[in-house]
N, C-alpha and C. Protein backbone atom coordinates (compact mmCIF):
# COMPACT_ATOMS: atom_id res chain seq x y z
N MET A 1 176.11 36.30 82.09
CA MET A 1 176.42 36.44 83.53
C MET A 1 177.29 35.28 83.70
N ALA A 2 178.27 35.41 84.42
CA ALA A 2 179.20 34.18 84.89
C ALA A 2 178.13 33.77 86.05
N GLU A 3 178.26 32.45 86.41
CA GLU A 3 177.79 31.81 87.40
C GLU A 3 179.06 31.24 88.49
N ILE A 4 179.24 32.05 89.37
CA ILE A 4 180.52 31.72 90.53
C ILE A 4 179.80 31.03 91.81
N THR A 5 180.44 29.89 91.75
CA THR A 5 180.08 28.87 92.68
C THR A 5 181.14 28.83 93.74
N ILE A 6 181.04 28.90 95.10
CA ILE A 6 181.97 29.03 95.98
C ILE A 6 181.55 27.99 96.96
N ASP A 7 182.23 26.73 96.97
CA ASP A 7 181.93 25.77 98.01
C ASP A 7 182.60 25.96 99.39
N THR A 8 181.16 26.61 100.21
CA THR A 8 181.79 27.13 101.66
C THR A 8 182.15 26.21 102.68
N ASP A 9 181.84 24.95 102.17
CA ASP A 9 182.61 23.92 103.20
C ASP A 9 184.13 23.32 102.97
N LYS A 10 184.54 24.04 101.72
CA LYS A 10 186.04 23.75 101.57
C LYS A 10 186.76 25.00 101.76
N CYS A 11 185.99 26.21 101.47
CA CYS A 11 186.77 27.85 101.59
C CYS A 11 187.27 28.08 102.92
N ASP A 12 188.47 28.44 103.27
CA ASP A 12 188.88 28.73 104.56
C ASP A 12 189.03 30.25 104.68
N ASN A 13 188.57 30.83 103.49
CA ASN A 13 188.56 32.43 103.41
C ASN A 13 189.87 32.94 103.57
N CYS A 14 190.87 32.26 102.87
CA CYS A 14 192.45 32.53 102.77
C CYS A 14 192.73 34.12 101.94
N GLY A 15 191.80 34.48 100.99
CA GLY A 15 191.81 35.65 100.22
C GLY A 15 192.67 35.47 99.30
N ASP A 16 193.52 34.55 98.93
CA ASP A 16 194.14 34.18 97.66
C ASP A 16 193.34 34.49 96.43
N CYS A 17 192.20 33.97 96.39
CA CYS A 17 191.41 34.70 95.12
C CYS A 17 191.44 35.94 95.12
N THR A 18 190.80 36.66 96.28
CA THR A 18 190.62 38.01 95.71
C THR A 18 192.05 38.98 95.68
N ASP A 19 193.14 38.45 95.77
CA ASP A 19 194.26 38.87 95.46
C ASP A 19 194.48 38.90 94.03
N VAL A 20 194.12 37.75 93.22
CA VAL A 20 194.29 37.91 91.89
C VAL A 20 193.37 38.22 91.01
N CYS A 21 192.05 38.38 91.73
CA CYS A 21 190.90 38.82 90.60
C CYS A 21 191.04 40.03 89.96
N PRO A 22 191.33 40.32 88.57
CA PRO A 22 191.44 41.46 88.05
C PRO A 22 190.19 42.36 87.97
N MET A 23 189.10 41.78 88.17
CA MET A 23 187.95 42.29 88.13
C MET A 23 186.93 42.79 89.38
N GLU A 24 187.98 42.29 90.43
CA GLU A 24 187.29 42.49 92.03
C GLU A 24 185.90 42.02 92.32
N VAL A 25 185.92 40.74 91.37
CA VAL A 25 184.40 40.06 91.74
C VAL A 25 184.26 39.54 92.83
N LEU A 26 185.62 38.84 93.48
CA LEU A 26 185.82 38.01 94.75
C LEU A 26 186.25 39.25 95.61
N ILE A 27 185.58 39.29 96.86
CA ILE A 27 186.17 40.45 97.79
C ILE A 27 185.86 39.79 99.09
N LEU A 28 186.94 39.95 100.32
CA LEU A 28 186.47 39.88 101.52
C LEU A 28 185.94 40.67 102.23
N VAL A 29 184.49 40.04 102.97
CA VAL A 29 183.69 41.14 103.58
C VAL A 29 183.38 40.28 105.22
N ASP A 30 184.34 41.30 106.08
CA ASP A 30 184.55 40.85 107.39
C ASP A 30 185.00 39.04 107.27
N GLY A 31 185.93 39.25 106.40
CA GLY A 31 186.86 37.78 106.64
C GLY A 31 186.07 36.73 106.14
N LYS A 32 185.00 36.92 105.33
CA LYS A 32 184.33 35.90 104.61
C LYS A 32 184.39 36.22 102.88
N LEU A 33 184.54 35.27 102.30
CA LEU A 33 184.83 35.18 100.72
C LEU A 33 183.38 35.49 100.05
N THR A 34 182.92 36.91 99.40
CA THR A 34 181.77 37.33 98.95
C THR A 34 181.99 37.66 97.13
N ILE A 35 181.04 37.24 96.88
CA ILE A 35 180.67 37.54 95.28
C ILE A 35 180.27 39.05 95.28
N ASN A 36 181.28 39.79 94.30
CA ASN A 36 180.69 41.40 94.65
C ASN A 36 179.68 41.82 93.43
N ASP A 37 179.96 41.19 92.29
CA ASP A 37 179.45 41.41 91.19
C ASP A 37 179.56 40.68 90.10
N PRO A 38 178.97 39.44 89.81
CA PRO A 38 179.30 38.47 89.05
C PRO A 38 179.33 39.05 87.51
N ASP A 39 178.37 39.92 87.09
CA ASP A 39 178.16 40.43 85.61
C ASP A 39 179.44 40.95 85.33
N GLU A 40 180.39 41.26 85.96
CA GLU A 40 182.02 41.53 86.02
C GLU A 40 182.80 40.70 85.65
N CYS A 41 182.58 39.60 85.91
CA CYS A 41 183.52 38.34 85.90
C CYS A 41 184.08 38.51 84.39
N SER A 42 185.15 38.25 83.95
CA SER A 42 185.89 37.84 82.73
C SER A 42 186.08 36.48 82.48
N TYR A 43 185.44 35.89 83.42
CA TYR A 43 185.84 34.36 83.04
C TYR A 43 187.24 33.88 82.77
N CYS A 44 188.36 34.74 83.35
CA CYS A 44 189.62 34.39 83.16
C CYS A 44 190.02 32.87 84.05
N GLU A 45 189.42 32.47 85.08
CA GLU A 45 189.56 31.59 86.05
C GLU A 45 190.80 31.63 86.61
N THR A 46 191.34 32.95 87.07
CA THR A 46 192.67 32.79 87.78
C THR A 46 192.54 32.33 89.16
N CYS A 47 191.21 32.82 89.66
CA CYS A 47 190.85 32.60 91.06
C CYS A 47 190.78 30.89 91.14
N VAL A 48 190.05 30.37 90.18
CA VAL A 48 189.93 28.96 90.14
C VAL A 48 191.43 28.23 90.44
N ASP A 49 192.28 28.68 89.44
CA ASP A 49 193.72 28.08 89.59
C ASP A 49 194.51 28.45 90.76
N MET A 50 194.55 29.48 91.41
CA MET A 50 194.61 30.19 92.33
C MET A 50 194.38 29.41 94.08
N CYS A 51 192.97 28.93 94.00
CA CYS A 51 192.74 28.58 95.21
C CYS A 51 193.25 27.29 95.57
N PRO A 52 193.71 27.36 96.78
CA PRO A 52 194.67 26.03 97.30
C PRO A 52 193.67 25.05 97.86
N ASN A 53 192.34 25.60 97.97
CA ASN A 53 191.26 24.30 98.35
C ASN A 53 190.33 23.68 97.01
N GLU A 54 190.51 24.34 96.19
CA GLU A 54 189.80 23.87 94.84
C GLU A 54 188.09 24.21 95.07
N CYS A 55 187.71 25.35 95.65
CA CYS A 55 186.51 25.46 95.93
C CYS A 55 185.55 26.52 94.95
N ILE A 56 186.12 27.14 94.09
CA ILE A 56 185.48 27.98 93.21
C ILE A 56 185.42 27.48 91.79
N THR A 57 184.30 27.31 91.48
CA THR A 57 184.16 26.95 90.08
C THR A 57 183.30 28.21 89.29
N ILE A 58 183.58 28.42 88.20
CA ILE A 58 182.58 29.59 87.15
C ILE A 58 182.26 28.77 85.99
N GLY A 59 181.02 29.17 85.67
CA GLY A 59 180.37 28.66 84.57
C GLY A 59 179.41 29.64 83.93
N ASP A 60 178.60 29.23 82.96
CA ASP A 60 177.70 30.17 82.46
C ASP A 60 176.30 29.45 82.19
């Protein structure tokens, strides 16, 4: 299972990561970034690369 960490102090909920997540693990709920189902994460780190605020980390 992937451990996805979002630094909420840095995150401005722009949604850039949700747009590129192929597994739809990261979603916006009521305008706030939410982890939907971490078990589905493919560890591609596209969200990490896309985040303009460098607030997402993925580890195992």
